[in-house]
Amino acid sequence: LIAIWALFGLRISRAATPLLVLLVTMNI
């Protein structure tokens, strides 16, 4: 579902960018 939604217009809000950055950094 995530992959399909990403192909058809999933957009990450600028305000939610810290969520993505911090979770990815944690996994790094």
mmCIF file of all heavy atoms, coordinates in Angstrom:
data_MODEL
# 
_entry.id   MODEL 
# 
loop_
_atom_site.group_PDB 
_atom_site.id 
_atom_site.type_symbol 
_atom_site.label_atom_id 
_atom_site.label_alt_id 
_atom_site.label_comp_id 
_atom_site.label_asym_id 
_atom_site.label_entity_id 
_atom_site.label_seq_id 
_atom_site.pdbx_PDB_ins_code 
_atom_site.Cartn_x 
_atom_site.Cartn_y 
_atom_site.Cartn_z 
_atom_site.occupancy 
_atom_site.B_iso_or_equiv 
_atom_site.pdbx_formal_charge 
_atom_site.auth_seq_id 
_atom_site.auth_comp_id 
_atom_site.auth_asym_id 
_atom_site.auth_atom_id 
_atom_site.pdbx_PDB_model_num 
ATOM 1   N N   . LEU A 1 1  ? 0.828  -1.206 0.000   1.00 0.00 ? 1  LEU A N   1 
ATOM 2   C CA  . LEU A 1 1  ? 0.000  0.000  0.000   1.00 0.00 ? 1  LEU A CA  1 
ATOM 3   C C   . LEU A 1 1  ? 0.859  1.251  0.000   1.00 0.00 ? 1  LEU A C   1 
ATOM 4   O O   . LEU A 1 1  ? 0.587  2.211  -0.729  1.00 0.00 ? 1  LEU A O   1 
ATOM 5   C CB  . LEU A 1 1  ? -0.920 -0.009 1.224   1.00 0.00 ? 1  LEU A CB  1 
ATOM 6   C CG  . LEU A 1 1  ? -1.883 1.166  1.368   1.00 0.00 ? 1  LEU A CG  1 
ATOM 7   C CD1 . LEU A 1 1  ? -2.867 1.201  0.210   1.00 0.00 ? 1  LEU A CD1 1 
ATOM 8   C CD2 . LEU A 1 1  ? -2.642 1.075  2.697   1.00 0.00 ? 1  LEU A CD2 1 
ATOM 9   N N   . ILE A 1 2  ? 1.917  1.242  0.817   1.00 0.00 ? 2  ILE A N   1 
ATOM 10  C CA  . ILE A 1 2  ? 2.821  2.395  0.873   1.00 0.00 ? 2  ILE A CA  1 
ATOM 11  C C   . ILE A 1 2  ? 3.477  2.617  -0.490  1.00 0.00 ? 2  ILE A C   1 
ATOM 12  O O   . ILE A 1 2  ? 3.569  3.750  -0.976  1.00 0.00 ? 2  ILE A O   1 
ATOM 13  C CB  . ILE A 1 2  ? 3.895  2.184  1.963   1.00 0.00 ? 2  ILE A CB  1 
ATOM 14  C CG1 . ILE A 1 2  ? 3.244  2.177  3.356   1.00 0.00 ? 2  ILE A CG1 1 
ATOM 15  C CG2 . ILE A 1 2  ? 4.967  3.266  1.891   1.00 0.00 ? 2  ILE A CG2 1 
ATOM 16  C CD1 . ILE A 1 2  ? 4.193  1.807  4.473   1.00 0.00 ? 2  ILE A CD1 1 
ATOM 17  N N   . ALA A 1 3  ? 3.919  1.523  -1.109  1.00 0.00 ? 3  ALA A N   1 
ATOM 18  C CA  . ALA A 1 3  ? 4.588  1.632  -2.406  1.00 0.00 ? 3  ALA A CA  1 
ATOM 19  C C   . ALA A 1 3  ? 3.643  2.170  -3.481  1.00 0.00 ? 3  ALA A C   1 
ATOM 20  O O   . ALA A 1 3  ? 3.995  3.061  -4.266  1.00 0.00 ? 3  ALA A O   1 
ATOM 21  C CB  . ALA A 1 3  ? 5.136  0.266  -2.814  1.00 0.00 ? 3  ALA A CB  1 
ATOM 22  N N   . ILE A 1 4  ? 2.413  1.637  -3.514  1.00 0.00 ? 4  ILE A N   1 
ATOM 23  C CA  . ILE A 1 4  ? 1.434  2.073  -4.523  1.00 0.00 ? 4  ILE A CA  1 
ATOM 24  C C   . ILE A 1 4  ? 1.071  3.537  -4.313  1.00 0.00 ? 4  ILE A C   1 
ATOM 25  O O   . ILE A 1 4  ? 0.996  4.327  -5.258  1.00 0.00 ? 4  ILE A O   1 
ATOM 26  C CB  . ILE A 1 4  ? 0.179  1.180  -4.464  1.00 0.00 ? 4  ILE A CB  1 
ATOM 27  C CG1 . ILE A 1 4  ? 0.523  -0.241 -4.935  1.00 0.00 ? 4  ILE A CG1 1 
ATOM 28  C CG2 . ILE A 1 4  ? -0.938 1.764  -5.327  1.00 0.00 ? 4  ILE A CG2 1 
ATOM 29  C CD1 . ILE A 1 4  ? -0.587 -1.252 -4.722  1.00 0.00 ? 4  ILE A CD1 1 
ATOM 30  N N   . TRP A 1 5  ? 0.836  3.908  -3.037  1.00 0.00 ? 5  TRP A N   1 
ATOM 31  C CA  . TRP A 1 5  ? 0.461  5.300  -2.747  1.00 0.00 ? 5  TRP A CA  1 
ATOM 32  C C   . TRP A 1 5  ? 1.606  6.235  -3.124  1.00 0.00 ? 5  TRP A C   1 
ATOM 33  O O   . TRP A 1 5  ? 1.383  7.351  -3.606  1.00 0.00 ? 5  TRP A O   1 
ATOM 34  C CB  . TRP A 1 5  ? 0.119  5.456  -1.259  1.00 0.00 ? 5  TRP A CB  1 
ATOM 35  C CG  . TRP A 1 5  ? -0.901 6.520  -0.983  1.00 0.00 ? 5  TRP A CG  1 
ATOM 36  C CD1 . TRP A 1 5  ? -0.834 7.831  -1.344  1.00 0.00 ? 5  TRP A CD1 1 
ATOM 37  C CD2 . TRP A 1 5  ? -2.154 6.378  -0.304  1.00 0.00 ? 5  TRP A CD2 1 
ATOM 38  N NE1 . TRP A 1 5  ? -1.947 8.522  -0.913  1.00 0.00 ? 5  TRP A NE1 1 
ATOM 39  C CE2 . TRP A 1 5  ? -2.777 7.650  -0.272  1.00 0.00 ? 5  TRP A CE2 1 
ATOM 40  C CE3 . TRP A 1 5  ? -2.800 5.309  0.312   1.00 0.00 ? 5  TRP A CE3 1 
ATOM 41  C CZ2 . TRP A 1 5  ? -3.995 7.867  0.349   1.00 0.00 ? 5  TRP A CZ2 1 
ATOM 42  C CZ3 . TRP A 1 5  ? -4.016 5.530  0.917   1.00 0.00 ? 5  TRP A CZ3 1 
ATOM 43  C CH2 . TRP A 1 5  ? -4.617 6.790  0.930   1.00 0.00 ? 5  TRP A CH2 1 
ATOM 44  N N   . ALA A 1 6  ? 2.852  5.783  -2.909  1.00 0.00 ? 6  ALA A N   1 
ATOM 45  C CA  . ALA A 1 6  ? 4.005  6.613  -3.260  1.00 0.00 ? 6  ALA A CA  1 
ATOM 46  C C   . ALA A 1 6  ? 4.074  6.849  -4.770  1.00 0.00 ? 6  ALA A C   1 
ATOM 47  O O   . ALA A 1 6  ? 4.455  7.932  -5.221  1.00 0.00 ? 6  ALA A O   1 
ATOM 48  C CB  . ALA A 1 6  ? 5.286  5.950  -2.767  1.00 0.00 ? 6  ALA A CB  1 
ATOM 49  N N   . LEU A 1 7  ? 3.693  5.840  -5.549  1.00 0.00 ? 7  LEU A N   1 
ATOM 50  C CA  . LEU A 1 7  ? 3.716  5.972  -7.006  1.00 0.00 ? 7  LEU A CA  1 
ATOM 51  C C   . LEU A 1 7  ? 2.637  6.915  -7.515  1.00 0.00 ? 7  LEU A C   1 
ATOM 52  O O   . LEU A 1 7  ? 2.785  7.516  -8.575  1.00 0.00 ? 7  LEU A O   1 
ATOM 53  C CB  . LEU A 1 7  ? 3.537  4.592  -7.654  1.00 0.00 ? 7  LEU A CB  1 
ATOM 54  C CG  . LEU A 1 7  ? 4.716  3.619  -7.514  1.00 0.00 ? 7  LEU A CG  1 
ATOM 55  C CD1 . LEU A 1 7  ? 4.335  2.248  -8.066  1.00 0.00 ? 7  LEU A CD1 1 
ATOM 56  C CD2 . LEU A 1 7  ? 5.949  4.161  -8.244  1.00 0.00 ? 7  LEU A CD2 1 
ATOM 57  N N   . PHE A 1 8  ? 1.549  7.041  -6.744  1.00 0.00 ? 8  PHE A N   1 
ATOM 58  C CA  . PHE A 1 8  ? 0.410  7.835  -7.218  1.00 0.00 ? 8  PHE A CA  1 
ATOM 59  C C   . PHE A 1 8  ? 0.172  9.088  -6.377  1.00 0.00 ? 8  PHE A C   1 
ATOM 60  O O   . PHE A 1 8  ? -0.960 9.473  -6.115  1.00 0.00 ? 8  PHE A O   1 
ATOM 61  C CB  . PHE A 1 8  ? -0.852 6.975  -7.260  1.00 0.00 ? 8  PHE A CB  1 
ATOM 62  C CG  . PHE A 1 8  ? -0.814 5.918  -8.322  1.00 0.00 ? 8  PHE A CG  1 
ATOM 63  C CD1 . PHE A 1 8  ? -0.353 4.641  -8.032  1.00 0.00 ? 8  PHE A CD1 1 
ATOM 64  C CD2 . PHE A 1 8  ? -1.208 6.200  -9.623  1.00 0.00 ? 8  PHE A CD2 1 
ATOM 65  C CE1 . PHE A 1 8  ? -0.308 3.658  -9.016  1.00 0.00 ? 8  PHE A CE1 1 
ATOM 66  C CE2 . PHE A 1 8  ? -1.158 5.230  -10.606 1.00 0.00 ? 8  PHE A CE2 1 
ATOM 67  C CZ  . PHE A 1 8  ? -0.699 3.950  -10.315 1.00 0.00 ? 8  PHE A CZ  1 
ATOM 68  N N   . GLY A 1 9  ? 1.264  9.680  -5.902  1.00 0.00 ? 9  GLY A N   1 
ATOM 69  C CA  . GLY A 1 9  ? 1.127  11.023 -5.350  1.00 0.00 ? 9  GLY A CA  1 
ATOM 70  C C   . GLY A 1 9  ? 1.268  11.179 -3.853  1.00 0.00 ? 9  GLY A C   1 
ATOM 71  O O   . GLY A 1 9  ? 0.811  12.188 -3.309  1.00 0.00 ? 9  GLY A O   1 
ATOM 72  N N   . LEU A 1 10 ? 1.879  10.233 -3.161  1.00 0.00 ? 10 LEU A N   1 
ATOM 73  C CA  . LEU A 1 10 ? 2.105  10.402 -1.725  1.00 0.00 ? 10 LEU A CA  1 
ATOM 74  C C   . LEU A 1 10 ? 3.106  11.534 -1.510  1.00 0.00 ? 10 LEU A C   1 
ATOM 75  O O   . LEU A 1 10 ? 4.206  11.511 -2.076  1.00 0.00 ? 10 LEU A O   1 
ATOM 76  C CB  . LEU A 1 10 ? 2.633  9.110  -1.105  1.00 0.00 ? 10 LEU A CB  1 
ATOM 77  C CG  . LEU A 1 10 ? 2.871  9.141  0.413   1.00 0.00 ? 10 LEU A CG  1 
ATOM 78  C CD1 . LEU A 1 10 ? 1.545  9.271  1.156   1.00 0.00 ? 10 LEU A CD1 1 
ATOM 79  C CD2 . LEU A 1 10 ? 3.604  7.880  0.871   1.00 0.00 ? 10 LEU A CD2 1 
ATOM 80  N N   . ARG A 1 11 ? 2.745  12.512 -0.702  1.00 0.00 ? 11 ARG A N   1 
ATOM 81  C CA  . ARG A 1 11 ? 3.611  13.650 -0.445  1.00 0.00 ? 11 ARG A CA  1 
ATOM 82  C C   . ARG A 1 11 ? 3.835  13.792 1.063   1.00 0.00 ? 11 ARG A C   1 
ATOM 83  O O   . ARG A 1 11 ? 2.898  13.674 1.839   1.00 0.00 ? 11 ARG A O   1 
ATOM 84  C CB  . ARG A 1 11 ? 2.996  14.940 -0.997  1.00 0.00 ? 11 ARG A CB  1 
ATOM 85  C CG  . ARG A 1 11 ? 2.858  14.972 -2.520  1.00 0.00 ? 11 ARG A CG  1 
ATOM 86  C CD  . ARG A 1 11 ? 4.230  15.056 -3.197  1.00 0.00 ? 11 ARG A CD  1 
ATOM 87  N NE  . ARG A 1 11 ? 4.092  15.121 -4.655  1.00 0.00 ? 11 ARG A NE  1 
ATOM 88  C CZ  . ARG A 1 11 ? 4.082  14.073 -5.457  1.00 0.00 ? 11 ARG A CZ  1 
ATOM 89  N NH1 . ARG A 1 11 ? 4.197  12.844 -4.939  1.00 0.00 ? 11 ARG A NH1 1 
ATOM 90  N NH2 . ARG A 1 11 ? 3.971  14.213 -6.754  1.00 0.00 ? 11 ARG A NH2 1 
ATOM 91  N N   . ILE A 1 12 ? 5.074  14.046 1.425   1.00 0.00 ? 12 ILE A N   1 
ATOM 92  C CA  . ILE A 1 12 ? 5.420  14.232 2.833   1.00 0.00 ? 12 ILE A CA  1 
ATOM 93  C C   . ILE A 1 12 ? 5.427  15.727 3.138   1.00 0.00 ? 12 ILE A C   1 
ATOM 94  O O   . ILE A 1 12 ? 6.164  16.495 2.507   1.00 0.00 ? 12 ILE A O   1 
ATOM 95  C CB  . ILE A 1 12 ? 6.796  13.621 3.155   1.00 0.00 ? 12 ILE A CB  1 
ATOM 96  C CG1 . ILE A 1 12 ? 6.797  12.122 2.854   1.00 0.00 ? 12 ILE A CG1 1 
ATOM 97  C CG2 . ILE A 1 12 ? 7.172  13.866 4.615   1.00 0.00 ? 12 ILE A CG2 1 
ATOM 98  C CD1 . ILE A 1 12 ? 8.142  11.458 2.994   1.00 0.00 ? 12 ILE A CD1 1 
ATOM 99  N N   . SER A 1 13 ? 4.618  16.131 4.092   1.00 0.00 ? 13 SER A N   1 
ATOM 100 C CA  . SER A 1 13 ? 4.541  17.537 4.462   1.00 0.00 ? 13 SER A CA  1 
ATOM 101 C C   . SER A 1 13 ? 5.868  18.001 5.059   1.00 0.00 ? 13 SER A C   1 
ATOM 102 O O   . SER A 1 13 ? 6.570  17.239 5.729   1.00 0.00 ? 13 SER A O   1 
ATOM 103 C CB  . SER A 1 13 ? 3.418  17.743 5.493   1.00 0.00 ? 13 SER A CB  1 
ATOM 104 O OG  . SER A 1 13 ? 3.491  19.031 6.077   1.00 0.00 ? 13 SER A OG  1 
ATOM 105 N N   . ARG A 1 14 ? 6.188  19.258 4.804   1.00 0.00 ? 14 ARG A N   1 
ATOM 106 C CA  . ARG A 1 14 ? 7.416  19.814 5.374   1.00 0.00 ? 14 ARG A CA  1 
ATOM 107 C C   . ARG A 1 14 ? 7.388  19.735 6.895   1.00 0.00 ? 14 ARG A C   1 
ATOM 108 O O   . ARG A 1 14 ? 8.421  19.484 7.527   1.00 0.00 ? 14 ARG A O   1 
ATOM 109 C CB  . ARG A 1 14 ? 7.574  21.271 4.930   1.00 0.00 ? 14 ARG A CB  1 
ATOM 110 C CG  . ARG A 1 14 ? 8.831  21.950 5.470   1.00 0.00 ? 14 ARG A CG  1 
ATOM 111 C CD  . ARG A 1 14 ? 8.876  23.414 5.099   1.00 0.00 ? 14 ARG A CD  1 
ATOM 112 N NE  . ARG A 1 14 ? 8.842  23.603 3.644   1.00 0.00 ? 14 ARG A NE  1 
ATOM 113 C CZ  . ARG A 1 14 ? 8.816  24.796 3.056   1.00 0.00 ? 14 ARG A CZ  1 
ATOM 114 N NH1 . ARG A 1 14 ? 8.797  25.903 3.797   1.00 0.00 ? 14 ARG A NH1 1 
ATOM 115 N NH2 . ARG A 1 14 ? 8.795  24.893 1.738   1.00 0.00 ? 14 ARG A NH2 1 
ATOM 116 N N   . ALA A 1 15 ? 6.215  19.907 7.471   1.00 0.00 ? 15 ALA A N   1 
ATOM 117 C CA  . ALA A 1 15 ? 6.104  19.874 8.930   1.00 0.00 ? 15 ALA A CA  1 
ATOM 118 C C   . ALA A 1 15 ? 6.358  18.486 9.490   1.00 0.00 ? 15 ALA A C   1 
ATOM 119 O O   . ALA A 1 15 ? 6.733  18.335 10.659  1.00 0.00 ? 15 ALA A O   1 
ATOM 120 C CB  . ALA A 1 15 ? 4.713  20.355 9.354   1.00 0.00 ? 15 ALA A CB  1 
ATOM 121 N N   . ALA A 1 16 ? 6.144  17.431 8.681   1.00 0.00 ? 16 ALA A N   1 
ATOM 122 C CA  . ALA A 1 16 ? 6.354  16.059 9.140   1.00 0.00 ? 16 ALA A CA  1 
ATOM 123 C C   . ALA A 1 16 ? 7.733  15.524 8.783   1.00 0.00 ? 16 ALA A C   1 
ATOM 124 O O   . ALA A 1 16 ? 8.050  14.364 9.096   1.00 0.00 ? 16 ALA A O   1 
ATOM 125 C CB  . ALA A 1 16 ? 5.278  15.145 8.554   1.00 0.00 ? 16 ALA A CB  1 
ATOM 126 N N   . THR A 1 17 ? 8.572  16.351 8.154   1.00 0.00 ? 17 THR A N   1 
ATOM 127 C CA  . THR A 1 17 ? 9.911  15.911 7.770   1.00 0.00 ? 17 THR A CA  1 
ATOM 128 C C   . THR A 1 17 ? 10.747 15.440 8.955   1.00 0.00 ? 17 THR A C   1 
ATOM 129 O O   . THR A 1 17 ? 11.485 14.452 8.836   1.00 0.00 ? 17 THR A O   1 
ATOM 130 C CB  . THR A 1 17 ? 10.649 17.031 7.015   1.00 0.00 ? 17 THR A CB  1 
ATOM 131 O OG1 . THR A 1 17 ? 9.883  17.408 5.868   1.00 0.00 ? 17 THR A OG1 1 
ATOM 132 C CG2 . THR A 1 17 ? 12.024 16.580 6.564   1.00 0.00 ? 17 THR A CG2 1 
ATOM 133 N N   . PRO A 1 18 ? 10.672 16.108 10.129  1.00 0.00 ? 18 PRO A N   1 
ATOM 134 C CA  . PRO A 1 18 ? 11.465 15.619 11.268  1.00 0.00 ? 18 PRO A CA  1 
ATOM 135 C C   . PRO A 1 18 ? 11.142 14.168 11.645  1.00 0.00 ? 18 PRO A C   1 
ATOM 136 O O   . PRO A 1 18 ? 12.038 13.434 12.067  1.00 0.00 ? 18 PRO A O   1 
ATOM 137 C CB  . PRO A 1 18 ? 11.062 16.578 12.408  1.00 0.00 ? 18 PRO A CB  1 
ATOM 138 C CG  . PRO A 1 18 ? 10.666 17.826 11.715  1.00 0.00 ? 18 PRO A CG  1 
ATOM 139 C CD  . PRO A 1 18 ? 10.011 17.388 10.442  1.00 0.00 ? 18 PRO A CD  1 
ATOM 140 N N   . LEU A 1 19 ? 9.884  13.763 11.473  1.00 0.00 ? 19 LEU A N   1 
ATOM 141 C CA  . LEU A 1 19 ? 9.510  12.371 11.758  1.00 0.00 ? 19 LEU A CA  1 
ATOM 142 C C   . LEU A 1 19 ? 10.304 11.427 10.867  1.00 0.00 ? 19 LEU A C   1 
ATOM 143 O O   . LEU A 1 19 ? 10.877 10.434 11.353  1.00 0.00 ? 19 LEU A O   1 
ATOM 144 C CB  . LEU A 1 19 ? 8.007  12.188 11.524  1.00 0.00 ? 19 LEU A CB  1 
ATOM 145 C CG  . LEU A 1 19 ? 7.474  10.758 11.640  1.00 0.00 ? 19 LEU A CG  1 
ATOM 146 C CD1 . LEU A 1 19 ? 7.565  10.272 13.077  1.00 0.00 ? 19 LEU A CD1 1 
ATOM 147 C CD2 . LEU A 1 19 ? 6.027  10.693 11.148  1.00 0.00 ? 19 LEU A CD2 1 
ATOM 148 N N   . LEU A 1 20 ? 10.357 11.715 9.571   1.00 0.00 ? 20 LEU A N   1 
ATOM 149 C CA  . LEU A 1 20 ? 11.090 10.868 8.629   1.00 0.00 ? 20 LEU A CA  1 
ATOM 150 C C   . LEU A 1 20 ? 12.586 10.875 8.927   1.00 0.00 ? 20 LEU A C   1 
ATOM 151 O O   . LEU A 1 20 ? 13.218 9.813  9.007   1.00 0.00 ? 20 LEU A O   1 
ATOM 152 C CB  . LEU A 1 20 ? 10.835 11.358 7.199   1.00 0.00 ? 20 LEU A CB  1 
ATOM 153 C CG  . LEU A 1 20 ? 11.652 10.679 6.093   1.00 0.00 ? 20 LEU A CG  1 
ATOM 154 C CD1 . LEU A 1 20 ? 11.320 9.196  6.011   1.00 0.00 ? 20 LEU A CD1 1 
ATOM 155 C CD2 . LEU A 1 20 ? 11.414 11.366 4.751   1.00 0.00 ? 20 LEU A CD2 1 
ATOM 156 N N   . VAL A 1 21 ? 13.147 12.051 9.116   1.00 0.00 ? 21 VAL A N   1 
ATOM 157 C CA  . VAL A 1 21 ? 14.595 12.169 9.309   1.00 0.00 ? 21 VAL A CA  1 
ATOM 158 C C   . VAL A 1 21 ? 15.039 11.451 10.576  1.00 0.00 ? 21 VAL A C   1 
ATOM 159 O O   . VAL A 1 21 ? 16.025 10.693 10.565  1.00 0.00 ? 21 VAL A O   1 
ATOM 160 C CB  . VAL A 1 21 ? 15.010 13.656 9.363   1.00 0.00 ? 21 VAL A CB  1 
ATOM 161 C CG1 . VAL A 1 21 ? 16.471 13.798 9.773   1.00 0.00 ? 21 VAL A CG1 1 
ATOM 162 C CG2 . VAL A 1 21 ? 14.767 14.321 8.014   1.00 0.00 ? 21 VAL A CG2 1 
ATOM 163 N N   . LEU A 1 22 ? 14.329 11.645 11.671  1.00 0.00 ? 22 LEU A N   1 
ATOM 164 C CA  . LEU A 1 22 ? 14.745 11.053 12.950  1.00 0.00 ? 22 LEU A CA  1 
ATOM 165 C C   . LEU A 1 22 ? 14.553 9.538  12.956  1.00 0.00 ? 22 LEU A C   1 
ATOM 166 O O   . LEU A 1 22 ? 15.380 8.810  13.524  1.00 0.00 ? 22 LEU A O   1 
ATOM 167 C CB  . LEU A 1 22 ? 13.983 11.703 14.101  1.00 0.00 ? 22 LEU A CB  1 
ATOM 168 C CG  . LEU A 1 22 ? 14.363 13.162 14.374  1.00 0.00 ? 22 LEU A CG  1 
ATOM 169 C CD1 . LEU A 1 22 ? 13.416 13.803 15.382  1.00 0.00 ? 22 LEU A CD1 1 
ATOM 170 C CD2 . LEU A 1 22 ? 15.808 13.259 14.862  1.00 0.00 ? 22 LEU A CD2 1 
ATOM 171 N N   . LEU A 1 23 ? 13.482 9.041  12.334  1.00 0.00 ? 23 LEU A N   1 
ATOM 172 C CA  . LEU A 1 23 ? 13.281 7.593  12.283  1.00 0.00 ? 23 LEU A CA  1 
ATOM 173 C C   . LEU A 1 23 ? 14.328 6.917  11.392  1.00 0.00 ? 23 LEU A C   1 
ATOM 174 O O   . LEU A 1 23 ? 14.845 5.845  11.726  1.00 0.00 ? 23 LEU A O   1 
ATOM 175 C CB  . LEU A 1 23 ? 11.876 7.272  11.771  1.00 0.00 ? 23 LEU A CB  1 
ATOM 176 C CG  . LEU A 1 23 ? 10.740 7.469  12.777  1.00 0.00 ? 23 LEU A CG  1 
ATOM 177 C CD1 . LEU A 1 23 ? 9.384  7.274  12.100  1.00 0.00 ? 23 LEU A CD1 1 
ATOM 178 C CD2 . LEU A 1 23 ? 10.874 6.505  13.952  1.00 0.00 ? 23 LEU A CD2 1 
ATOM 179 N N   . VAL A 1 24 ? 14.654 7.548  10.259  1.00 0.00 ? 24 VAL A N   1 
ATOM 180 C CA  . VAL A 1 24 ? 15.680 6.977  9.389   1.00 0.00 ? 24 VAL A CA  1 
ATOM 181 C C   . VAL A 1 24 ? 17.043 7.019  10.076  1.00 0.00 ? 24 VAL A C   1 
ATOM 182 O O   . VAL A 1 24 ? 17.814 6.047  10.014  1.00 0.00 ? 24 VAL A O   1 
ATOM 183 C CB  . VAL A 1 24 ? 15.721 7.731  8.042   1.00 0.00 ? 24 VAL A CB  1 
ATOM 184 C CG1 . VAL A 1 24 ? 16.948 7.328  7.228   1.00 0.00 ? 24 VAL A CG1 1 
ATOM 185 C CG2 . VAL A 1 24 ? 14.452 7.450  7.246   1.00 0.00 ? 24 VAL A CG2 1 
ATOM 186 N N   . THR A 1 25 ? 17.345 8.126  10.760  1.00 0.00 ? 25 THR A N   1 
ATOM 187 C CA  . THR A 1 25 ? 18.615 8.232  11.490  1.00 0.00 ? 25 THR A CA  1 
ATOM 188 C C   . THR A 1 25 ? 18.706 7.165  12.571  1.00 0.00 ? 25 THR A C   1 
ATOM 189 O O   . THR A 1 25 ? 19.770 6.570  12.778  1.00 0.00 ? 25 THR A O   1 
ATOM 190 C CB  . THR A 1 25 ? 18.749 9.632  12.106  1.00 0.00 ? 25 THR A CB  1 
ATOM 191 O OG1 . THR A 1 25 ? 18.609 10.628 11.097  1.00 0.00 ? 25 THR A OG1 1 
ATOM 192 C CG2 . THR A 1 25 ? 20.109 9.793  12.778  1.00 0.00 ? 25 THR A CG2 1 
ATOM 193 N N   . MET A 1 26 ? 17.600 6.926  13.260  1.00 0.00 ? 26 MET A N   1 
ATOM 194 C CA  . MET A 1 26 ? 17.578 5.875  14.280  1.00 0.00 ? 26 MET A CA  1 
ATOM 195 C C   . MET A 1 26 ? 17.932 4.528  13.666  1.00 0.00 ? 26 MET A C   1 
ATOM 196 O O   . MET A 1 26 ? 18.720 3.753  14.226  1.00 0.00 ? 26 MET A O   1 
ATOM 197 C CB  . MET A 1 26 ? 16.191 5.812  14.925  1.00 0.00 ? 26 MET A CB  1 
ATOM 198 C CG  . MET A 1 26 ? 16.051 4.803  16.048  1.00 0.00 ? 26 MET A CG  1 
ATOM 199 S SD  . MET A 1 26 ? 14.323 4.602  16.568  1.00 0.00 ? 26 MET A SD  1 
ATOM 200 C CE  . MET A 1 26 ? 13.788 3.325  15.407  1.00 0.00 ? 26 MET A CE  1 
ATOM 201 N N   . ASN A 1 27 ? 17.384 4.238  12.499  1.00 0.00 ? 27 ASN A N   1 
ATOM 202 C CA  . ASN A 1 27 ? 17.650 2.963  11.844  1.00 0.00 ? 27 ASN A CA  1 
ATOM 203 C C   . ASN A 1 27 ? 19.064 2.893  11.281  1.00 0.00 ? 27 ASN A C   1 
ATOM 204 O O   . ASN A 1 27 ? 19.651 1.802  11.210  1.00 0.00 ? 27 ASN A O   1 
ATOM 205 C CB  . ASN A 1 27 ? 16.616 2.710  10.754  1.00 0.00 ? 27 ASN A CB  1 
ATOM 206 C CG  . ASN A 1 27 ? 15.307 2.180  11.304  1.00 0.00 ? 27 ASN A CG  1 
ATOM 207 O OD1 . ASN A 1 27 ? 15.181 0.989  11.558  1.00 0.00 ? 27 ASN A OD1 1 
ATOM 208 N ND2 . ASN A 1 27 ? 14.341 3.061  11.519  1.00 0.00 ? 27 ASN A ND2 1 
ATOM 209 N N   . ILE A 1 28 ? 19.615 4.018  10.889  1.00 0.00 ? 28 ILE A N   1 
ATOM 210 C CA  . ILE A 1 28 ? 21.029 4.034  10.489  1.00 0.00 ? 28 ILE A CA  1 
ATOM 211 C C   . ILE A 1 28 ? 21.894 3.648  11.681  1.00 0.00 ? 28 ILE A C   1 
ATOM 212 O O   . ILE A 1 28 ? 22.882 2.910  11.540  1.00 0.00 ? 28 ILE A O   1 
ATOM 213 C CB  . ILE A 1 28 ? 21.416 5.429  9.944   1.00 0.00 ? 28 ILE A CB  1 
ATOM 214 C CG1 . ILE A 1 28 ? 20.725 5.669  8.608   1.00 0.00 ? 28 ILE A CG1 1 
ATOM 215 C CG2 . ILE A 1 28 ? 22.928 5.549  9.802   1.00 0.00 ? 28 ILE A CG2 1 
ATOM 216 C CD1 . ILE A 1 28 ? 20.935 7.071  8.051   1.00 0.00 ? 28 ILE A CD1 1 
# 
